[in-house]
Structure formats: C-alpha cells, structure tokens
C-alpha cells in the first residue's frame, strides 16, 4: 500500500510539472498582450495597429476631432502615457515634448520613438510664437512618409516586446506591400493632373502635394486669423491657377469655407487628416484630385 501511495505521489508531481510547463508556455505566448503603446494621433494608431496586430494595445493621445497643433492632453491621456511601455511621437507637434517630459517624471523607463525620423521635412508652411520657419508637422499625410513612420514604429515595438519581434516584422512587411501598392496607384491616378493646384484652408497636405507634383495653396495659414491682404493674395493665386478643388476640414466647414468657394469657384471636399482610417482618407483625397482637377 505504501508503495502504491508513493507511485501515485510521483505521478501527481509529474502531471503538475507538465501542467505548469504548459501554463508557462501559454504565458510566454501571450506576453505583450497587456502592454500599452501610446501614439500622438489617430492616423498613427492605424499604422501602429497594422504592425502590432492584437498583441499590443495601441491608444492615441489626440481625439480625431481635436486640433493637433493646439492640443492640451487631458489627465486621462497622461495616465495612458504613464502606463505605456513605448510612446510613438509624431515628432513636430508643439505639445508633444512637454507632455513626454511630464510623463517621464512618473515613467522614467518610457521608450520614446520619433516616428518622423528620416523624413525629408518641409518648412515654412507654419509659424508659432513668431517663428515662420517651423517644420510642417503633417508628416503622416503622405504614403511615402507612412513607410518611414512604419519602419520607426517597428523598431520601437521590437524593443518594447522583443519576444514577438518576428511577428511584428512579418506584419510590417505586409504593410509595406500595401503602402507600395497604394503609392503606385496614387501616382498613376494623379499623373494626368500633375502640376495642378488645389486650395486648402489649413496647410495639411504639403507632403502629399510634394509627393505627386501638385501645388497646395493654403488660404488660412496655421489655423490663425490671416490678414485680409494675405488672404486676398492667396485667393488671387488660386484664381490665377484656375483651381477647381477646395479641401476643407470639419472645423472650418462653415461661413469661411462658403466665402472661399464664392471667391474662387472651387468645389468643396471635406477631409479628415487626423481621422483613424488613414487609408480611407488617402483614397478620398486622391479620388477628389483625380476627378476635380481634370475639369
């Protein structure tokens, strides 16, 4: 009887050992699922999620209906950033550096990735505090830039969750194929209107325009009140360029946009440059340009 009890005890130890190993394996496979990744903008979240899949939770600081250049992060956003393992900053939004500095006081190990690193930056479209040669921050409104942003994100995700580096690499490669296909499609669709001009209120499509040989005419610079003389000069430029398309963001879709339409005769198309569905926005912009600039 003692021998039977002894053997039973050995079998139970073996079963428990195997079970524990199985649990340990499951834990390893799920490592990373509870890790939090923060980005500044909704379009960045879309890009990051294509790489992270469901292994990491990605949250953005800025709601899709907020002003990215005059944003003051609420406490809830600061809390998310304080709990994150990596922060993917856009790079040139005026509030980012100060927010990251505040977050690092409570989360000194936070990994910060500049997703704009390596992008050929545009200057002169924006001004803040009297400086007129600030970097244009809308780096994400370009398919070519999105590839660079994605590469920088991949680097950050692999550092934050190295055990799943191969998973992120595979997703990144799939994303690059999609972006290359999109870039080729846009290039082909916009070839007939290359050299054309379009009007925007806020200069949010500078990088897109550069990519495809178009001219962006921004009527209202930096979301600030432009002087009557400056606005009239830009309206004259638009009329001299025979513009037929006016991109307007939801916050400017009102009396001011109606006035520009009346003065230029351009057709209005509403776009959301900071919307989550980045891919859809690229398609909306391309469709409008390919159809309206041919008129």
Protein backbone atom coordinates (compact mmCIF):
# COMPACT_ATOMS: atom_id res chain seq x y z
CA UNK A 1 0.00 0.00 0.00
CA UNK A 2 2.81 2.41 0.84
CA UNK A 3 4.43 1.62 -2.49
CA UNK A 4 1.18 2.43 -4.34
CA UNK A 5 0.87 5.75 -2.47
CA UNK A 6 4.48 6.54 -3.35
CA UNK A 7 3.91 5.84 -7.07
CA UNK A 8 0.70 7.87 -7.03
CA UNK A 9 2.62 10.77 -5.48
CA UNK A 10 5.28 10.58 -8.22
CA UNK A 11 2.62 10.55 -10.96
CA UNK A 12 0.89 13.59 -9.45
CA UNK A 13 4.18 15.50 -9.32
CA UNK A 14 4.82 14.67 -12.99
CA UNK A 15 1.32 15.80 -14.03
CA UNK A 16 1.65 19.04 -12.08
CA UNK A 17 5.08 19.65 -13.62
CA UNK A 18 3.77 19.15 -17.15
CA UNK A 19 0.75 21.34 -16.43
CA UNK A 20 2.93 24.11 -15.05
CA UNK A 21 5.15 23.97 -18.10
CA UNK A 22 2.09 24.24 -20.28
CA UNK A 23 0.89 27.26 -18.33
CA UNK A 24 4.32 28.85 -18.57
CA UNK A 25 4.31 28.32 -22.31
CA UNK A 26 0.90 29.94 -22.62
CA UNK A 27 2.10 32.91 -20.60
CA UNK A 28 5.09 33.33 -22.89
CA UNK A 29 2.91 33.16 -26.00
CA UNK A 30 0.61 35.82 -24.62
CA UNK A 31 3.41 38.07 -23.40
CA UNK A 32 2.86 41.56 -24.72
CA UNK A 33 -0.95 41.40 -24.84
CA UNK A 34 -1.22 43.60 -21.76
CA UNK A 35 1.43 46.07 -22.83
CA UNK A 36 0.28 49.55 -23.77
CA UNK A 37 1.63 51.57 -26.69
CA UNK A 38 0.83 55.28 -26.99
CA UNK A 39 0.85 57.39 -30.13
CA UNK A 40 0.04 61.05 -30.60
CA UNK A 41 -2.55 60.84 -33.39
CA UNK A 42 -5.27 58.56 -34.71
CA UNK A 43 -3.59 58.04 -38.12
CA UNK A 44 -0.51 56.86 -36.24
CA UNK A 45 -2.69 54.42 -34.32
CA UNK A 46 -3.90 52.93 -37.60
CA UNK A 47 -0.33 52.41 -38.80
CA UNK A 48 0.85 51.03 -35.46
CA UNK A 49 -2.04 48.57 -35.25
CA UNK A 50 -1.22 47.14 -38.66
CA UNK A 51 2.15 46.12 -37.21
CA UNK A 52 1.17 45.31 -33.61
CA UNK A 53 -1.91 43.29 -34.54
CA UNK A 54 -3.71 42.18 -31.38
CA UNK A 55 -0.54 41.59 -29.36
CA UNK A 56 -0.36 45.15 -28.06
CA UNK A 57 -2.99 47.72 -27.16
CA UNK A 58 -2.43 50.99 -29.03
CA UNK A 59 -4.04 54.22 -27.84
CA UNK A 60 -3.76 57.75 -29.21
CA UNK A 61 -3.49 60.90 -27.14
CA UNK A 62 -5.43 63.12 -29.55
CA UNK A 63 -9.10 62.50 -30.36
CA UNK A 64 -9.95 62.53 -34.06
CA UNK A 65 -11.92 65.78 -33.75
CA UNK A 66 -9.26 67.80 -31.87
CA UNK A 67 -6.76 70.36 -33.17
CA UNK A 68 -3.36 68.60 -33.29
CA UNK A 69 -1.40 71.84 -33.06
CA UNK A 70 -3.22 73.41 -30.11
CA UNK A 71 -3.91 70.34 -28.01
CA UNK A 72 -3.66 70.16 -24.24
CA UNK A 73 -3.59 66.48 -23.18
CA UNK A 74 -6.21 65.69 -20.51
CA UNK A 75 -5.35 63.69 -17.40
CA UNK A 76 -6.73 60.50 -18.95
CA UNK A 77 -4.24 60.78 -21.82
CA UNK A 78 -1.38 61.45 -19.41
CA UNK A 79 -2.41 58.38 -17.42
CA UNK A 80 -2.29 56.20 -20.55
CA UNK A 81 1.14 57.55 -21.44
CA UNK A 82 2.36 56.94 -17.89
CA UNK A 83 1.33 53.28 -18.16
CA UNK A 84 2.83 52.75 -21.61
CA UNK A 85 5.99 50.83 -22.48
CA UNK A 86 6.62 52.94 -25.58
CA UNK A 87 5.47 56.33 -26.85
CA UNK A 88 5.44 56.92 -30.63
CA UNK A 89 5.60 60.68 -31.05
CA UNK A 90 4.67 62.35 -34.30
CA UNK A 91 7.78 64.46 -33.94
CA UNK A 92 6.83 68.07 -34.56
CA UNK A 93 3.58 68.81 -32.76
CA UNK A 94 4.14 71.68 -30.29
CA UNK A 95 2.66 69.87 -27.26
CA UNK A 96 4.49 66.55 -27.56
CA UNK A 97 7.85 67.36 -25.96
CA UNK A 98 6.32 68.98 -22.90
CA UNK A 99 3.88 66.11 -22.42
CA UNK A 100 6.62 63.47 -22.73
CA UNK A 101 8.73 65.36 -20.19
CA UNK A 102 5.82 65.32 -17.73
CA UNK A 103 5.13 61.62 -18.32
CA UNK A 104 8.76 60.63 -17.85
CA UNK A 105 8.64 62.05 -14.33
CA UNK A 106 6.35 59.16 -13.37
CA UNK A 107 7.53 56.68 -16.01
CA UNK A 108 11.30 57.25 -16.44
CA UNK A 109 11.72 53.98 -18.37
CA UNK A 110 9.28 55.03 -21.08
CA UNK A 111 10.76 54.32 -24.51
CA UNK A 112 10.17 57.28 -26.85
CA UNK A 113 10.30 56.79 -30.62
CA UNK A 114 10.37 59.72 -33.04
CA UNK A 115 8.30 58.32 -35.91
CA UNK A 116 9.30 61.22 -38.19
CA UNK A 117 13.00 60.34 -38.03
CA UNK A 118 14.35 60.05 -41.57
CA UNK A 119 11.57 62.04 -43.27
CA UNK A 120 12.59 64.83 -45.65
CA UNK A 121 10.90 67.64 -43.76
CA UNK A 122 9.09 70.66 -45.20
CA UNK A 123 9.45 74.04 -43.51
CA UNK A 124 7.86 77.45 -43.95
CA UNK A 125 4.18 76.44 -44.02
CA UNK A 126 3.66 77.06 -40.29
CA UNK A 127 4.64 79.56 -37.66
CA UNK A 128 4.44 79.52 -33.89
CA UNK A 129 5.39 82.28 -31.45
CA UNK A 130 6.57 84.48 -34.27
CA UNK A 131 8.82 81.87 -35.94
CA UNK A 132 7.85 81.43 -39.59
CA UNK A 133 10.22 78.61 -40.50
CA UNK A 134 8.76 75.91 -38.30
CA UNK A 135 8.64 72.33 -39.57
CA UNK A 136 5.37 71.30 -41.19
CA UNK A 137 4.07 68.71 -38.68
CA UNK A 138 1.66 66.86 -41.01
CA UNK A 139 4.19 64.18 -41.89
CA UNK A 140 1.60 61.39 -41.84
CA UNK A 141 -0.39 62.81 -44.81
CA UNK A 142 1.96 61.09 -47.26
CA UNK A 143 2.15 57.45 -48.29
CA UNK A 144 5.92 57.68 -48.75
CA UNK A 145 6.27 59.15 -45.26
CA UNK A 146 3.98 56.44 -43.87
CA UNK A 147 6.57 53.83 -44.86
CA UNK A 148 9.22 55.68 -42.85
CA UNK A 149 6.85 56.12 -39.93
CA UNK A 150 6.06 52.40 -40.00
CA UNK A 151 9.76 51.48 -40.03
CA UNK A 152 10.37 53.64 -36.96
CA UNK A 153 7.36 52.10 -35.24
CA UNK A 154 8.63 48.61 -35.98
CA UNK A 155 11.90 49.48 -34.26
CA UNK A 156 10.01 50.66 -31.17
CA UNK A 157 7.70 47.65 -31.00
CA UNK A 158 10.59 45.20 -31.31
CA UNK A 159 12.37 46.93 -28.42
CA UNK A 160 9.23 47.04 -26.29
CA UNK A 161 8.27 43.40 -26.92
CA UNK A 162 11.32 41.65 -28.32
CA UNK A 163 9.91 38.16 -27.83
CA UNK A 164 7.47 38.81 -30.68
CA UNK A 165 9.88 40.67 -32.96
CA UNK A 166 9.34 38.21 -35.83
CA UNK A 167 5.58 38.70 -35.60
CA UNK A 168 5.92 42.47 -35.87
CA UNK A 169 8.44 42.16 -38.70
CA UNK A 170 6.05 39.97 -40.71
CA UNK A 171 3.16 42.42 -40.22
CA UNK A 172 5.41 45.33 -41.15
CA UNK A 173 6.42 43.62 -44.39
CA UNK A 174 2.76 43.09 -45.27
CA UNK A 175 2.04 46.76 -44.54
CA UNK A 176 4.92 47.91 -46.76
CA UNK A 177 3.48 45.91 -49.65
CA UNK A 178 0.12 47.63 -49.15
CA UNK A 179 1.73 51.06 -48.96
CA UNK A 180 3.82 50.45 -52.09
CA UNK A 181 0.69 49.34 -53.95
CA UNK A 182 -1.21 52.42 -52.75
CA UNK A 183 1.65 54.74 -53.71
CA UNK A 184 1.83 53.25 -57.20
CA UNK A 185 -1.94 53.55 -57.59
CA UNK A 186 -1.98 57.20 -56.50
CA UNK A 187 0.95 58.04 -58.77
CA UNK A 188 -0.89 56.53 -61.74
CA UNK A 189 -4.23 58.14 -60.93
CA UNK A 190 -2.74 61.60 -60.38
CA UNK A 191 -0.34 61.56 -63.34
CA UNK A 192 -2.87 63.35 -65.60
CA UNK A 193 -3.19 66.25 -63.11
CA UNK A 194 0.48 66.56 -62.17
CA UNK A 195 1.37 70.26 -61.89
CA UNK A 196 -2.17 71.15 -60.85
CA UNK A 197 -3.16 73.27 -57.86
CA UNK A 198 -5.73 72.89 -55.12
CA UNK A 199 -6.89 75.05 -52.23
CA UNK A 200 -6.92 74.16 -48.53
CA UNK A 201 -7.72 76.29 -45.52
CA UNK A 202 -5.01 74.80 -43.30
CA UNK A 203 -1.75 73.60 -44.94
CA UNK A 204 -2.21 69.94 -44.01
CA UNK A 205 -1.36 68.33 -47.38
CA UNK A 206 2.12 69.73 -48.02
CA UNK A 207 3.81 66.32 -48.09
CA UNK A 208 1.09 64.75 -50.21
CA UNK A 209 1.34 67.60 -52.72
CA UNK A 210 5.13 67.25 -52.90
CA UNK A 211 4.91 63.50 -53.47
CA UNK A 212 2.73 63.83 -56.56
CA UNK A 213 3.85 67.10 -58.11
CA UNK A 214 0.91 69.25 -57.02
CA UNK A 215 0.68 72.76 -55.56
CA UNK A 216 -1.12 73.40 -52.29
CA UNK A 217 -2.50 76.91 -51.79
CA UNK A 218 -3.33 77.47 -48.11
CA UNK A 219 -5.80 80.31 -47.65
CA UNK A 220 -5.75 80.41 -43.86
CA UNK A 221 -2.27 79.74 -42.50
CA UNK A 222 -1.67 77.85 -39.22
CA UNK A 223 -5.34 77.90 -38.21
CA UNK A 224 -4.85 81.53 -37.17
CA UNK A 225 -6.60 84.60 -38.48
CA UNK A 226 -4.86 85.72 -41.62
CA UNK A 227 -4.76 89.37 -42.59
CA UNK A 228 -7.18 90.48 -45.29
CA UNK A 229 -4.23 91.31 -47.55
CA UNK A 230 -2.67 87.86 -47.11
CA UNK A 231 -5.94 86.08 -47.75
CA UNK A 232 -6.63 88.17 -50.84
CA UNK A 233 -3.16 87.38 -52.21
CA UNK A 234 -3.76 83.67 -51.80
CA UNK A 235 -7.22 83.87 -53.32
CA UNK A 236 -5.72 85.70 -56.30
CA UNK A 237 -3.10 82.95 -56.58
CA UNK A 238 -5.85 80.34 -56.54
CA UNK A 239 -7.83 82.13 -59.23
CA UNK A 240 -4.74 82.62 -61.39
CA UNK A 241 -4.07 78.88 -61.07
CA UNK A 242 -7.66 78.05 -62.09
CA UNK A 243 -8.20 75.90 -59.03
CA UNK A 244 -11.32 73.76 -59.01
CA UNK A 245 -10.97 71.99 -55.68
CA UNK A 246 -11.07 73.22 -52.10
CA UNK A 247 -10.23 70.78 -49.30
CA UNK A 248 -11.78 71.79 -46.00
CA UNK A 249 -11.62 70.16 -42.58
CA UNK A 250 -14.78 69.73 -40.50
CA UNK A 251 -13.91 72.53 -38.07
CA UNK A 252 -13.73 75.00 -40.97
CA UNK A 253 -16.80 73.75 -42.83
CA UNK A 254 -18.96 76.85 -42.42
CA UNK A 255 -19.21 80.51 -43.35
CA UNK A 256 -15.48 80.89 -44.03
CA UNK A 257 -15.37 77.96 -46.43
CA UNK A 258 -18.51 79.21 -48.19
CA UNK A 259 -16.80 82.58 -48.67
CA UNK A 260 -13.73 80.93 -50.24
CA UNK A 261 -15.94 78.89 -52.55
CA UNK A 262 -17.75 82.05 -53.65
CA UNK A 263 -14.47 83.85 -54.33
CA UNK A 264 -12.70 81.01 -56.15
CA UNK A 265 -15.47 78.93 -57.67
CA UNK A 266 -13.75 75.82 -56.31
CA UNK A 267 -15.73 72.74 -55.33
CA UNK A 268 -15.60 71.80 -51.66
CA UNK A 269 -14.50 68.37 -50.43
CA UNK A 270 -14.42 67.66 -46.69
CA UNK A 271 -11.40 65.70 -45.44
CA UNK A 272 -10.32 64.47 -42.00
CA UNK A 273 -6.48 64.41 -41.93
CA UNK A 274 -6.39 63.19 -38.33
CA UNK A 275 -9.07 60.52 -38.68
CA UNK A 276 -8.24 56.95 -37.64
CA UNK A 277 -8.91 55.42 -41.06
CA UNK A 278 -5.76 56.81 -42.65
CA UNK A 279 -6.03 54.57 -45.72
CA UNK A 280 -9.56 55.74 -46.48
CA UNK A 281 -8.51 59.40 -46.17
CA UNK A 282 -5.72 58.87 -48.70
CA UNK A 283 -8.30 57.40 -51.08
CA UNK A 284 -10.74 60.29 -50.56
CA UNK A 285 -8.04 62.87 -51.25
CA UNK A 286 -6.81 61.01 -54.33
CA UNK A 287 -10.30 60.49 -55.75
CA UNK A 288 -11.13 64.17 -55.35
CA UNK A 289 -7.90 65.30 -57.00
CA UNK A 290 -8.13 62.85 -59.90
CA UNK A 291 -11.75 63.81 -60.61
CA UNK A 292 -11.97 67.51 -59.81
CA UNK A 293 -8.62 68.73 -61.19
CA UNK A 294 -9.47 67.32 -64.61
CA UNK A 295 -12.31 69.81 -65.00
